[in-house]
């Protein structure tokens, strides 16, 4: 069964450009992962410091490999997360 992640991120307005760039870089790396089926980055139409990620993996193991990747450590753990003021993540199975 496919495994999906829906993440809501909010950063300070002054960090929005850096977070946006890191998320778009992650999109390119993640789409090359064998277990990734979809990785979509959204920005709120009225708030450029609010982002939503929609990610789909072939299975939980695909997501676990993603979370263990060097690019996840560099861009998400190293750049994005330290700048977030709000983070909500849902882990779901695709019906």
PDB file of N, CA and C in Angstrom:
ATOM      1  N   UNK A   1       0.841  -1.175   0.000  1.00  0.00           N
ATOM      2  CA  UNK A   1       0.000   0.000   0.000  1.00  0.00           C
ATOM      3  C   UNK A   1       0.888   1.241   0.000  1.00  0.00           C
ATOM      4  N   UNK A   2       0.553   2.220  -0.821  1.00  0.00           N
ATOM      5  CA  UNK A   2       1.331   3.459  -0.889  1.00  0.00           C
ATOM      6  C   UNK A   2       1.226   4.214   0.434  1.00  0.00           C
ATOM      7  N   UNK A   3       2.281   4.932   0.741  1.00  0.00           N
ATOM      8  CA  UNK A   3       2.411   5.661   1.998  1.00  0.00           C
ATOM      9  C   UNK A   3       2.568   7.139   1.666  1.00  0.00           C
ATOM     10  N   UNK A   4       1.765   7.990   2.292  1.00  0.00           N
ATOM     11  CA  UNK A   4       1.815   9.425   2.003  1.00  0.00           C
ATOM     12  C   UNK A   4       2.141  10.224   3.252  1.00  0.00           C
ATOM     13  N   UNK A   5       2.794  11.343   3.023  1.00  0.00           N
ATOM     14  CA  UNK A   5       3.141  12.282   4.082  1.00  0.00           C
ATOM     15  C   UNK A   5       2.587  13.639   3.676  1.00  0.00           C
ATOM     16  N   UNK A   6       1.887  14.279   4.615  1.00  0.00           N
ATOM     17  CA  UNK A   6       1.384  15.634   4.402  1.00  0.00           C
ATOM     18  C   UNK A   6       1.983  16.480   5.512  1.00  0.00           C
ATOM     19  N   UNK A   7       2.814  17.444   5.122  1.00  0.00           N
ATOM     20  CA  UNK A   7       3.509  18.265   6.106  1.00  0.00           C
ATOM     21  C   UNK A   7       3.118  19.723   5.929  1.00  0.00           C
ATOM     22  N   UNK A   8       2.802  20.369   7.040  1.00  0.00           N
ATOM     23  CA  UNK A   8       2.491  21.803   7.070  1.00  0.00           C
ATOM     24  C   UNK A   8       3.629  22.493   7.805  1.00  0.00           C
ATOM     25  N   UNK A   9       4.285  23.417   7.127  1.00  0.00           N
ATOM     26  CA  UNK A   9       5.419  24.135   7.691  1.00  0.00           C
ATOM     27  C   UNK A   9       5.126  25.633   7.693  1.00  0.00           C
ATOM     28  N   UNK A  10       5.563  26.304   8.738  1.00  0.00           N
ATOM     29  CA  UNK A  10       5.505  27.764   8.788  1.00  0.00           C
ATOM     30  C   UNK A  10       6.835  28.251   9.358  1.00  0.00           C
ATOM     31  N   UNK A  11       7.373  29.251   8.704  1.00  0.00           N
ATOM     32  CA  UNK A  11       8.621  29.854   9.159  1.00  0.00           C
ATOM     33  C   UNK A  11       8.397  31.353   9.335  1.00  0.00           C
ATOM     34  N   UNK A  12       9.387  32.025   9.881  1.00  0.00           N
ATOM     35  CA  UNK A  12       9.332  33.479   9.979  1.00  0.00           C
ATOM     36  C   UNK A  12       9.408  34.055   8.565  1.00  0.00           C
ATOM     37  N   UNK A  13       8.739  35.171   8.318  1.00  0.00           N
ATOM     38  CA  UNK A  13       8.751  35.760   6.970  1.00  0.00           C
ATOM     39  C   UNK A  13      10.153  35.979   6.402  1.00  0.00           C
ATOM     40  N   UNK A  14      11.098  36.351   7.243  1.00  0.00           N
ATOM     41  CA  UNK A  14      12.456  36.599   6.746  1.00  0.00           C
ATOM     42  C   UNK A  14      13.179  35.320   6.322  1.00  0.00           C
ATOM     43  N   UNK A  15      12.670  34.151   6.720  1.00  0.00           N
ATOM     44  CA  UNK A  15      13.271  32.868   6.341  1.00  0.00           C
ATOM     45  C   UNK A  15      12.562  32.206   5.159  1.00  0.00           C
ATOM     46  N   UNK A  16      11.491  32.810   4.669  1.00  0.00           N
ATOM     47  CA  UNK A  16      10.664  32.171   3.635  1.00  0.00           C
ATOM     48  C   UNK A  16      11.446  31.852   2.365  1.00  0.00           C
ATOM     49  N   UNK A  17      12.290  32.747   1.911  1.00  0.00           N
ATOM     50  CA  UNK A  17      13.053  32.494   0.690  1.00  0.00           C
ATOM     51  C   UNK A  17      14.011  31.327   0.830  1.00  0.00           C
ATOM     52  N   UNK A  18      14.691  31.242   1.951  1.00  0.00           N
ATOM     53  CA  UNK A  18      15.632  30.161   2.202  1.00  0.00           C
ATOM     54  C   UNK A  18      14.905  28.818   2.325  1.00  0.00           C
ATOM     55  N   UNK A  19      13.796  28.805   3.063  1.00  0.00           N
ATOM     56  CA  UNK A  19      13.018  27.572   3.222  1.00  0.00           C
ATOM     57  C   UNK A  19      12.452  27.129   1.878  1.00  0.00           C
ATOM     58  N   UNK A  20      11.920  28.061   1.123  1.00  0.00           N
ATOM     59  CA  UNK A  20      11.371  27.741  -0.199  1.00  0.00           C
ATOM     60  C   UNK A  20      12.445  27.112  -1.087  1.00  0.00           C
ATOM     61  N   UNK A  21      13.613  27.708  -1.138  1.00  0.00           N
ATOM     62  CA  UNK A  21      14.698  27.179  -1.967  1.00  0.00           C
ATOM     63  C   UNK A  21      15.105  25.773  -1.524  1.00  0.00           C
ATOM     64  N   UNK A  22      15.198  25.554  -0.221  1.00  0.00           N
ATOM     65  CA  UNK A  22      15.574  24.228   0.288  1.00  0.00           C
ATOM     66  C   UNK A  22      14.513  23.188  -0.065  1.00  0.00           C
ATOM     67  N   UNK A  23      13.240  23.557   0.032  1.00  0.00           N
ATOM     68  CA  UNK A  23      12.161  22.619  -0.300  1.00  0.00           C
ATOM     69  C   UNK A  23      12.151  22.282  -1.788  1.00  0.00           C
ATOM     70  N   UNK A  24      12.428  23.255  -2.624  1.00  0.00           N
ATOM     71  CA  UNK A  24      12.476  22.986  -4.065  1.00  0.00           C
ATOM     72  C   UNK A  24      13.690  22.125  -4.421  1.00  0.00           C
ATOM     73  N   UNK A  25      14.796  22.314  -3.742  1.00  0.00           N
ATOM     74  CA  UNK A  25      15.962  21.450  -3.937  1.00  0.00           C
ATOM     75  C   UNK A  25      15.631  20.032  -3.493  1.00  0.00           C
ATOM     76  N   UNK A  26      14.955  19.903  -2.352  1.00  0.00           N
ATOM     77  CA  UNK A  26      14.538  18.579  -1.867  1.00  0.00           C
ATOM     78  C   UNK A  26      13.640  17.888  -2.870  1.00  0.00           C
ATOM     79  N   UNK A  27      12.740  18.645  -3.478  1.00  0.00           N
ATOM     80  CA  UNK A  27      11.832  18.070  -4.476  1.00  0.00           C
ATOM     81  C   UNK A  27      12.631  17.388  -5.577  1.00  0.00           C
ATOM     82  N   UNK A  28      13.672  18.047  -6.070  1.00  0.00           N
ATOM     83  CA  UNK A  28      14.447  17.472  -7.164  1.00  0.00           C
ATOM     84  C   UNK A  28      15.185  16.214  -6.725  1.00  0.00           C
ATOM     85  N   UNK A  29      15.784  16.229  -5.554  1.00  0.00           N
ATOM     86  CA  UNK A  29      16.474  15.037  -5.040  1.00  0.00           C
ATOM     87  C   UNK A  29      15.489  13.898  -4.786  1.00  0.00           C
ATOM     88  N   UNK A  30      14.365  14.215  -4.169  1.00  0.00           N
ATOM     89  CA  UNK A  30      13.412  13.184  -3.762  1.00  0.00           C
ATOM     90  C   UNK A  30      12.770  12.507  -4.959  1.00  0.00           C
ATOM     91  N   UNK A  31      12.493  13.246  -5.985  1.00  0.00           N
ATOM     92  CA  UNK A  31      11.870  12.647  -7.178  1.00  0.00           C
ATOM     93  C   UNK A  31      12.772  11.614  -7.842  1.00  0.00           C
ATOM     94  N   UNK A  32      14.066  11.648  -7.542  1.00  0.00           N
ATOM     95  CA  UNK A  32      14.997  10.654  -8.076  1.00  0.00           C
ATOM     96  C   UNK A  32      15.104   9.405  -7.201  1.00  0.00           C
ATOM     97  N   UNK A  33      14.488   9.413  -6.025  1.00  0.00           N
ATOM     98  CA  UNK A  33      14.550   8.250  -5.139  1.00  0.00           C
ATOM     99  C   UNK A  33      13.690   7.123  -5.706  1.00  0.00           C
ATOM    100  N   UNK A  34      14.156   5.881  -5.639  1.00  0.00           N
ATOM    101  CA  UNK A  34      13.385   4.771  -6.208  1.00  0.00           C
ATOM    102  C   UNK A  34      12.031   4.549  -5.541  1.00  0.00           C
ATOM    103  N   UNK A  35      11.896   4.868  -4.259  1.00  0.00           N
ATOM    104  CA  UNK A  35      10.630   4.639  -3.565  1.00  0.00           C
ATOM    105  C   UNK A  35       9.650   5.790  -3.651  1.00  0.00           C
ATOM    106  N   UNK A  36      10.063   6.920  -4.232  1.00  0.00           N
ATOM    107  CA  UNK A  36       9.182   8.097  -4.289  1.00  0.00           C
ATOM    108  C   UNK A  36       8.282   8.051  -5.513  1.00  0.00           C
ATOM    109  N   UNK A  37       7.004   8.295  -5.300  1.00  0.00           N
ATOM    110  CA  UNK A  37       6.037   8.359  -6.391  1.00  0.00           C
ATOM    111  C   UNK A  37       5.604   9.788  -6.691  1.00  0.00           C
ATOM    112  N   UNK A  38       5.645  10.648  -5.673  1.00  0.00           N
ATOM    113  CA  UNK A  38       5.208  12.034  -5.858  1.00  0.00           C
ATOM    114  C   UNK A  38       5.764  12.897  -4.731  1.00  0.00           C
ATOM    115  N   UNK A  39       6.156  14.114  -5.065  1.00  0.00           N
ATOM    116  CA  UNK A  39       6.651  15.061  -4.074  1.00  0.00           C
ATOM    117  C   UNK A  39       6.264  16.443  -4.576  1.00  0.00           C
ATOM    118  N   UNK A  40       5.253  17.028  -3.942  1.00  0.00           N
ATOM    119  CA  UNK A  40       4.717  18.309  -4.390  1.00  0.00           C
ATOM    120  C   UNK A  40       4.887  19.325  -3.273  1.00  0.00           C
ATOM    121  N   UNK A  41       5.456  20.473  -3.627  1.00  0.00           N
ATOM    122  CA  UNK A  41       5.662  21.561  -2.676  1.00  0.00           C
ATOM    123  C   UNK A  41       4.646  22.657  -2.989  1.00  0.00           C
ATOM    124  N   UNK A  42       3.912  23.072  -1.967  1.00  0.00           N
ATOM    125  CA  UNK A  42       2.927  24.144  -2.115  1.00  0.00           C
ATOM    126  C   UNK A  42       3.323  25.306  -1.214  1.00  0.00           C
ATOM    127  N   UNK A  43       3.002  26.520  -1.639  1.00  0.00           N
ATOM    128  CA  UNK A  43       3.130  27.695  -0.779  1.00  0.00           C
ATOM    129  C   UNK A  43       1.740  28.315  -0.679  1.00  0.00           C
ATOM    130  N   UNK A  44       1.397  28.773   0.505  1.00  0.00           N
ATOM    131  CA  UNK A  44       0.101  29.403   0.729  1.00  0.00           C
ATOM    132  C   UNK A  44      -0.031  30.630  -0.179  1.00  0.00           C
ATOM    133  N   UNK A  45      -1.151  30.758  -0.855  1.00  0.00           N
ATOM    134  CA  UNK A  45      -1.367  31.861  -1.797  1.00  0.00           C
ATOM    135  C   UNK A  45      -1.366  33.224  -1.111  1.00  0.00           C
ATOM    136  N   UNK A  46      -1.634  33.235   0.183  1.00  0.00           N
ATOM    137  CA  UNK A  46      -1.700  34.506   0.902  1.00  0.00           C
ATOM    138  C   UNK A  46      -0.594  34.678   1.939  1.00  0.00           C
ATOM    139  N   UNK A  47       0.202  33.648   2.149  1.00  0.00           N
ATOM    140  CA  UNK A  47       1.254  33.708   3.153  1.00  0.00           C
ATOM    141  C   UNK A  47       2.499  32.998   2.627  1.00  0.00           C
ATOM    142  N   UNK A  48       3.478  33.728   2.101  1.00  0.00           N
ATOM    143  CA  UNK A  48       4.659  33.089   1.519  1.00  0.00           C
ATOM    144  C   UNK A  48       5.572  32.400   2.523  1.00  0.00           C
ATOM    145  N   UNK A  49       5.236  32.450   3.804  1.00  0.00           N
ATOM    146  CA  UNK A  49       6.028  31.759   4.828  1.00  0.00           C
ATOM    147  C   UNK A  49       5.342  30.477   5.297  1.00  0.00           C
ATOM    148  N   UNK A  50       4.268  30.061   4.609  1.00  0.00           N
ATOM    149  CA  UNK A  50       3.538  28.840   4.958  1.00  0.00           C
ATOM    150  C   UNK A  50       3.600  27.877   3.773  1.00  0.00           C
ATOM    151  N   UNK A  51       4.011  26.647   4.053  1.00  0.00           N
ATOM    152  CA  UNK A  51       4.209  25.645   3.010  1.00  0.00           C
ATOM    153  C   UNK A  51       3.462  24.366   3.360  1.00  0.00           C
ATOM    154  N   UNK A  52       3.062  23.637   2.325  1.00  0.00           N
ATOM    155  CA  UNK A  52       2.474  22.315   2.491  1.00  0.00           C
ATOM    156  C   UNK A  52       3.211  21.376   1.545  1.00  0.00           C
ATOM    157  N   UNK A  53       3.657  20.253   2.077  1.00  0.00           N
ATOM    158  CA  UNK A  53       4.291  19.220   1.257  1.00  0.00           C
ATOM    159  C   UNK A  53       3.347  18.040   1.158  1.00  0.00           C
ATOM    160  N   UNK A  54       3.232  17.481  -0.034  1.00  0.00           N
ATOM    161  CA  UNK A  54       2.470  16.256  -0.235  1.00  0.00           C
ATOM    162  C   UNK A  54       3.420  15.271  -0.894  1.00  0.00           C
ATOM    163  N   UNK A  55       3.709  14.198  -0.178  1.00  0.00           N
ATOM    164  CA  UNK A  55       4.685  13.213  -0.632  1.00  0.00           C
ATOM    165  C   UNK A  55       4.034  11.840  -0.664  1.00  0.00           C
ATOM    166  N   UNK A  56       4.308  11.065  -1.706  1.00  0.00           N
ATOM    167  CA  UNK A  56       3.799   9.701  -1.794  1.00  0.00           C
ATOM    168  C   UNK A  56       4.971   8.776  -2.098  1.00  0.00           C
ATOM    169  N   UNK A  57       5.036   7.690  -1.353  1.00  0.00           N
ATOM    170  CA  UNK A  57       6.078   6.683  -1.502  1.00  0.00           C
ATOM    171  C   UNK A  57       5.423   5.334  -1.778  1.00  0.00           C
ATOM    172  N   UNK A  58       6.152   4.440  -2.409  1.00  0.00           N
ATOM    173  CA  UNK A  58       5.612   3.113  -2.727  1.00  0.00           C
ATOM    174  C   UNK A  58       5.154   2.388  -1.465  1.00  0.00           C
ATOM    175  N   UNK A  59       5.873   2.632  -0.359  1.00  0.00           N
ATOM    176  CA  UNK A  59       5.549   2.008   0.915  1.00  0.00           C
ATOM    177  C   UNK A  59       6.293   2.740   2.025  1.00  0.00           C
ATOM    178  N   UNK A  60       6.099   2.317   3.252  1.00  0.00           N
ATOM    179  CA  UNK A  60       6.755   2.962   4.391  1.00  0.00           C
ATOM    180  C   UNK A  60       8.280   2.871   4.277  1.00  0.00           C
ATOM    181  N   UNK A  61       8.773   1.768   3.752  1.00  0.00           N
ATOM    182  CA  UNK A  61      10.221   1.612   3.585  1.00  0.00           C
ATOM    183  C   UNK A  61      10.779   2.678   2.638  1.00  0.00           C
ATOM    184  N   UNK A  62      10.015   3.054   1.627  1.00  0.00           N
ATOM    185  CA  UNK A  62      10.438   4.115   0.722  1.00  0.00           C
ATOM    186  C   UNK A  62      10.579   5.440   1.443  1.00  0.00           C
ATOM    187  N   UNK A  63       9.627   5.732   2.330  1.00  0.00           N
ATOM    188  CA  UNK A  63       9.730   6.960   3.121  1.00  0.00           C
ATOM    189  C   UNK A  63      10.897   6.883   4.093  1.00  0.00           C
ATOM    190  N   UNK A  64      11.073   5.733   4.735  1.00  0.00           N
ATOM    191  CA  UNK A  64      12.180   5.585   5.689  1.00  0.00           C
ATOM    192  C   UNK A  64      13.528   5.798   5.003  1.00  0.00           C
ATOM    193  N   UNK A  65      13.671   5.304   3.767  1.00  0.00           N
ATOM    194  CA  UNK A  65      14.907   5.522   3.010  1.00  0.00           C
ATOM    195  C   UNK A  65      15.075   7.017   2.699  1.00  0.00           C
ATOM    196  N   UNK A  66      13.988   7.673   2.374  1.00  0.00           N
ATOM    197  CA  UNK A  66      14.007   9.120   2.125  1.00  0.00           C
ATOM    198  C   UNK A  66      14.489   9.863   3.368  1.00  0.00           C
ATOM    199  N   UNK A  67      13.922   9.535   4.514  1.00  0.00           N
ATOM    200  CA  UNK A  67      14.266  10.213   5.763  1.00  0.00           C
ATOM    201  C   UNK A  67      15.705   9.929   6.202  1.00  0.00           C
ATOM    202  N   UNK A  68      16.297   8.860   5.690  1.00  0.00           N
ATOM    203  CA  UNK A  68      17.681   8.504   6.035  1.00  0.00           C
ATOM    204  C   UNK A  68      18.698   9.030   5.013  1.00  0.00           C
ATOM    205  N   UNK A  69      18.215   9.728   3.987  1.00  0.00           N
ATOM    206  CA  UNK A  69      19.101  10.173   2.910  1.00  0.00           C
ATOM    207  C   UNK A  69      19.963  11.367   3.333  1.00  0.00           C
ATOM    208  N   UNK A  70      21.068  11.523   2.646  1.00  0.00           N
ATOM    209  CA  UNK A  70      21.953  12.660   2.901  1.00  0.00           C
ATOM    210  C   UNK A  70      21.270  13.980   2.571  1.00  0.00           C
ATOM    211  N   UNK A  71      20.485  14.006   1.488  1.00  0.00           N
ATOM    212  CA  UNK A  71      19.818  15.264   1.125  1.00  0.00           C
ATOM    213  C   UNK A  71      18.739  15.640   2.135  1.00  0.00           C
ATOM    214  N   UNK A  72      18.081  14.670   2.771  1.00  0.00           N
ATOM    215  CA  UNK A  72      17.124  14.974   3.837  1.00  0.00           C
ATOM    216  C   UNK A  72      17.862  15.600   5.024  1.00  0.00           C
ATOM    217  N   UNK A  73      18.992  15.000   5.391  1.00  0.00           N
ATOM    218  CA  UNK A  73      19.775  15.535   6.516  1.00  0.00           C
ATOM    219  C   UNK A  73      20.237  16.958   6.227  1.00  0.00           C
ATOM    220  N   UNK A  74      20.709  17.189   5.017  1.00  0.00           N
ATOM    221  CA  UNK A  74      21.227  18.521   4.684  1.00  0.00           C
ATOM    222  C   UNK A  74      20.124  19.568   4.576  1.00  0.00           C
ATOM    223  N   UNK A  75      19.108  19.290   3.784  1.00  0.00           N
ATOM    224  CA  UNK A  75      18.113  20.322   3.461  1.00  0.00           C
ATOM    225  C   UNK A  75      16.959  20.418   4.466  1.00  0.00           C
ATOM    226  N   UNK A  76      16.463  19.283   4.927  1.00  0.00           N
ATOM    227  CA  UNK A  76      15.340  19.338   5.870  1.00  0.00           C
ATOM    228  C   UNK A  76      15.848  19.511   7.298  1.00  0.00           C
ATOM    229  N   UNK A  77      16.682  18.592   7.754  1.00  0.00           N
ATOM    230  CA  UNK A  77      17.163  18.680   9.135  1.00  0.00           C
ATOM    231  C   UNK A  77      18.110  19.859   9.346  1.00  0.00           C
ATOM    232  N   UNK A  78      18.933  20.148   8.353  1.00  0.00           N
ATOM    233  CA  UNK A  78      19.931  21.191   8.522  1.00  0.00           C
ATOM    234  C   UNK A  78      19.474  22.598   8.191  1.00  0.00           C
ATOM    235  N   UNK A  79      18.561  22.734   7.230  1.00  0.00           N
ATOM    236  CA  UNK A  79      18.139  24.066   6.787  1.00  0.00           C
ATOM    237  C   UNK A  79      16.706  24.392   7.172  1.00  0.00           C
ATOM    238  N   UNK A  80      15.767  23.519   6.845  1.00  0.00           N
ATOM    239  CA  UNK A  80      14.349  23.844   7.021  1.00  0.00           C
ATOM    240  C   UNK A  80      13.918  23.786   8.489  1.00  0.00           C
ATOM    241  N   UNK A  81      14.065  22.647   9.117  1.00  0.00           N
ATOM    242  CA  UNK A  81      13.527  22.494  10.477  1.00  0.00           C
ATOM    243  C   UNK A  81      14.015  23.532  11.484  1.00  0.00           C
ATOM    244  N   UNK A  82      15.280  23.906  11.466  1.00  0.00           N
ATOM    245  CA  UNK A  82      15.714  24.913  12.453  1.00  0.00           C
ATOM    246  C   UNK A  82      15.018  26.269  12.277  1.00  0.00           C
ATOM    247  N   UNK A  83      14.433  26.499  11.111  1.00  0.00           N
ATOM    248  CA  UNK A  83      13.797  27.785  10.839  1.00  0.00           C
ATOM    249  C   UNK A  83      12.276  27.754  10.988  1.00  0.00           C
ATOM    250  N   UNK A  84      11.725  26.615  11.339  1.00  0.00           N
ATOM    251  CA  UNK A  84      10.266  26.503  11.442  1.00  0.00           C
ATOM    252  C   UNK A  84       9.767  27.001  12.789  1.00  0.00           C
ATOM    253  N   UNK A  85       8.651  27.709  12.743  1.00  0.00           N
ATOM    254  CA  UNK A  85       7.975  28.114  13.976  1.00  0.00           C
ATOM    255  C   UNK A  85       6.735  27.257  14.211  1.00  0.00           C
ATOM    256  N   UNK A  86       6.341  26.493  13.184  1.00  0.00           N
ATOM    257  CA  UNK A  86       5.234  25.543  13.319  1.00  0.00           C
ATOM    258  C   UNK A  86       5.475  24.412  12.330  1.00  0.00           C
ATOM    259  N   UNK A  87       5.226  23.184  12.796  1.00  0.00           N
ATOM    260  CA  UNK A  87       5.413  22.004  11.949  1.00  0.00           C
ATOM    261  C   UNK A  87       4.377  20.970  12.353  1.00  0.00           C
ATOM    262  N   UNK A  88       3.552  20.553  11.384  1.00  0.00           N
ATOM    263  CA  UNK A  88       2.579  19.494  11.606  1.00  0.00           C
ATOM    264  C   UNK A  88       2.718  18.491  10.467  1.00  0.00           C
ATOM    265  N   UNK A  89       2.839  17.215  10.822  1.00  0.00           N
ATOM    266  CA  UNK A  89       3.056  16.178   9.820  1.00  0.00           C
ATOM    267  C   UNK A  89       2.061  15.054  10.049  1.00  0.00           C
ATOM    268  N   UNK A  90       1.412  14.619   8.971  1.00  0.00           N
ATOM    269  CA  UNK A  90       0.498  13.471   9.004  1.00  0.00           C
ATOM    270  C   UNK A  90       1.089  12.365   8.153  1.00  0.00           C
ATOM    271  N   UNK A  91       1.091  11.162   8.697  1.00  0.00           N
ATOM    272  CA  UNK A  91       1.545   9.979   7.965  1.00  0.00           C
ATOM    273  C   UNK A  91       0.304   9.162   7.655  1.00  0.00           C
ATOM    274  N   UNK A  92       0.092   8.868   6.377  1.00  0.00           N
ATOM    275  CA  UNK A  92      -1.156   8.228   5.949  1.00  0.00           C
ATOM    276  C   UNK A  92      -0.889   7.103   4.967  1.00  0.00           C
ATOM    277  N   UNK A  93      -1.884   6.246   4.798  1.00  0.00           N
ATOM    278  CA  UNK A  93      -1.850   5.221   3.758  1.00  0.00           C
ATOM    279  C   UNK A  93      -2.835   5.638   2.685  1.00  0.00           C
ATOM    280  N   UNK A  94      -2.428   5.510   1.433  1.00  0.00           N
ATOM    281  CA  UNK A  94      -3.260   5.911   0.315  1.00  0.00           C
ATOM    282  C   UNK A  94      -4.280   4.800   0.039  1.00  0.00           C
ATOM    283  N   UNK A  95      -5.536   5.181   0.004  1.00  0.00           N
ATOM    284  CA  UNK A  95      -6.609   4.192  -0.265  1.00  0.00           C
ATOM    285  C   UNK A  95      -6.804   4.003  -1.770  1.00  0.00           C
TER     286      UNK A  95
END
